[in-house]
C-alpha atoms as a PDB file:
ATOM      1  CA  MET A   1     -63.398  11.037  24.390  1.00  0.00           C
ATOM      2  CA  ASP A   2     -66.503  12.935  25.395  1.00  0.00           C
ATOM      3  CA  LEU A   3     -69.057  12.563  22.609  1.00  0.00           C
ATOM      4  CA  ASP A   4     -70.773  15.901  23.282  1.00  0.00           C
ATOM      5  CA  ALA A   5     -67.462  17.757  23.210  1.00  0.00           C
ATOM      6  CA  PHE A   6     -66.468  15.938  20.010  1.00  0.00           C
ATOM      7  CA  VAL A   7     -69.725  16.913  18.285  1.00  0.00           C
ATOM      8  CA  ALA A   8     -69.410  20.516  19.470  1.00  0.00           C
ATOM      9  CA  ALA A   9     -65.826  20.695  18.200  1.00  0.00           C
ATOM     10  CA  HIS A  10     -66.689  19.448  14.706  1.00  0.00           C
ATOM     11  CA  ALA A  11     -70.309  20.500  14.100  1.00  0.00           C
ATOM     12  CA  ALA A  12     -69.330  23.574  12.067  1.00  0.00           C
ATOM     13  CA  GLU A  13     -67.157  21.467   9.738  1.00  0.00           C
ATOM     14  CA  TRP A  14     -69.978  18.974   9.212  1.00  0.00           C
ATOM     15  CA  GLN A  15     -72.446  21.771   8.534  1.00  0.00           C
ATOM     16  CA  ARG A  16     -70.105  23.315   5.964  1.00  0.00           C
ATOM     17  CA  LEU A  17     -69.600  19.934   4.286  1.00  0.00           C
ATOM     18  CA  ASP A  18     -73.369  19.519   4.128  1.00  0.00           C
ATOM     19  CA  GLN A  19     -73.650  22.926   2.429  1.00  0.00           C
ATOM     20  CA  LEU A  20     -70.956  22.051  -0.109  1.00  0.00           C
ATOM     21  CA  ALA A  21     -72.615  18.696  -0.837  1.00  0.00           C
ATOM     22  CA  SER A  22     -75.895  20.383  -1.744  1.00  0.00           C
ATOM     23  CA  PRO A  23     -76.893  20.233  -5.402  1.00  0.00           C
ATOM     24  CA  GLY A  24     -75.223  22.831  -7.545  1.00  0.00           C
ATOM     25  CA  ARG A  25     -71.986  23.568  -9.256  1.00  0.00           C
ATOM     26  CA  LEU A  26     -68.896  24.073  -7.099  1.00  0.00           C
ATOM     27  CA  SER A  27     -66.068  26.471  -7.769  1.00  0.00           C
ATOM     28  CA  GLY A  28     -62.547  25.072  -7.741  1.00  0.00           C
ATOM     29  CA  SER A  29     -61.892  26.326  -4.223  1.00  0.00           C
ATOM     30  CA  ASP A  30     -65.236  24.942  -3.003  1.00  0.00           C
ATOM     31  CA  ALA A  31     -64.422  21.555  -4.528  1.00  0.00           C
ATOM     32  CA  ASP A  32     -61.039  21.574  -2.789  1.00  0.00           C
ATOM     33  CA  GLU A  33     -62.724  22.454   0.491  1.00  0.00           C
ATOM     34  CA  LEU A  34     -65.294  19.692  -0.008  1.00  0.00           C
ATOM     35  CA  ILE A  35     -62.541  17.103  -0.474  1.00  0.00           C
ATOM     36  CA  GLN A  36     -60.647  18.351   2.580  1.00  0.00           C
ATOM     37  CA  LEU A  37     -63.756  18.273   4.759  1.00  0.00           C
ATOM     38  CA  TYR A  38     -64.733  14.870   3.338  1.00  0.00           C
ATOM     39  CA  ARG A  39     -61.402  13.431   4.458  1.00  0.00           C
ATOM     40  CA  ARG A  40     -61.688  14.972   7.921  1.00  0.00           C
ATOM     41  CA  THR A  41     -65.240  13.716   8.319  1.00  0.00           C
ATOM     42  CA  ALA A  42     -64.220  10.208   7.252  1.00  0.00           C
ATOM     43  CA  THR A  43     -61.617  10.314  10.027  1.00  0.00           C
ATOM     44  CA  HIS A  44     -64.263  11.561  12.455  1.00  0.00           C
ATOM     45  CA  LEU A  45     -66.524   8.656  11.489  1.00  0.00           C
ATOM     46  CA  ALA A  46     -63.709   6.177  12.088  1.00  0.00           C
ATOM     47  CA  LEU A  47     -63.122   7.689  15.528  1.00  0.00           C
ATOM     48  CA  VAL A  48     -66.804   7.507  16.403  1.00  0.00           C
ATOM     49  CA  GLN A  49     -67.017   3.893  15.295  1.00  0.00           C
ATOM     50  CA  SER A  50     -63.897   2.783  17.148  1.00  0.00           C
ATOM     51  CA  ARG A  51     -63.717   4.900  20.302  1.00  0.00           C
ATOM     52  CA  MET A  52     -67.206   6.084  21.131  1.00  0.00           C
ATOM     53  CA  PRO A  53     -69.783   3.970  19.354  1.00  0.00           C
ATOM     54  CA  ASP A  54     -72.890   6.048  18.780  1.00  0.00           C
ATOM     55  CA  PRO A  55     -75.159   4.592  16.086  1.00  0.00           C
ATOM     56  CA  SER A  56     -77.068   7.805  15.412  1.00  0.00           C
ATOM     57  CA  LEU A  57     -73.932   9.923  14.957  1.00  0.00           C
ATOM     58  CA  ALA A  58     -72.309   7.209  12.852  1.00  0.00           C
ATOM     59  CA  ALA A  59     -75.402   7.086  10.618  1.00  0.00           C
ATOM     60  CA  ARG A  60     -75.461  10.878  10.348  1.00  0.00           C
ATOM     61  CA  LEU A  61     -71.807  11.061   9.331  1.00  0.00           C
ATOM     62  CA  SER A  62     -72.161   8.111   6.933  1.00  0.00           C
ATOM     63  CA  GLY A  63     -75.042   9.839   5.176  1.00  0.00           C
ATOM     64  CA  LEU A  64     -73.116  13.094   4.999  1.00  0.00           C
ATOM     65  CA  LEU A  65     -70.131  11.285   3.506  1.00  0.00           C
ATOM     66  CA  ALA A  66     -72.317   9.540   0.929  1.00  0.00           C
ATOM     67  CA  ARG A  67     -73.854  12.856  -0.198  1.00  0.00           C
ATOM     68  CA  SER A  68     -70.432  14.484  -0.261  1.00  0.00           C
ATOM     69  CA  ARG A  69     -68.940  11.670  -2.318  1.00  0.00           C
ATOM     70  CA  ALA A  70     -71.780  11.979  -4.824  1.00  0.00           C
ATOM     71  CA  ALA A  71     -71.207  15.740  -5.044  1.00  0.00           C
ATOM     72  CA  ALA A  72     -67.471  15.266  -5.525  1.00  0.00           C
ATOM     73  CA  VAL A  73     -67.729  12.691  -8.298  1.00  0.00           C
ATOM     74  CA  GLY A  74     -70.916  13.961  -9.878  1.00  0.00           C
ATOM     75  CA  GLY A  75     -72.906  10.811  -9.203  1.00  0.00           C
ATOM     76  CA  SER A  76     -76.654  11.032  -8.985  1.00  0.00           C
ATOM     77  CA  SER A  77     -77.082   7.680  -7.309  1.00  0.00           C
ATOM     78  CA  VAL A  78     -75.684   6.484  -4.030  1.00  0.00           C
ATOM     79  CA  GLY A  79     -75.277   2.748  -4.174  1.00  0.00           C
ATOM     80  CA  GLY A  80     -74.035   2.297  -7.678  1.00  0.00           C
ATOM     81  CA  TRP A  81     -76.214  -0.479  -9.084  1.00  0.00           C
ATOM     82  CA  SER A  82     -78.620   1.801 -10.943  1.00  0.00           C
ATOM     83  CA  SER A  83     -76.045   2.545 -13.637  1.00  0.00           C
ATOM     84  CA  LEU A  84     -75.527  -1.116 -14.545  1.00  0.00           C
END
């Protein structure tokens, strides 16, 4: 796969996921969209890691997924140990 073409094909989805993961309350349809885009982006990360290793893109998508997961589950901490 061509990395530049891959990024161009999915950049809008990643930008939308980033918007949905921003602090604030989500409507039901926004929450559904966040989960759908989270799943797609997780697949994109797996593809990047396995077929076209690019550390900066992998780090970018990992960070986006972490913020999205926190938005979806209402967590304020990424990492988990602070609540123990």
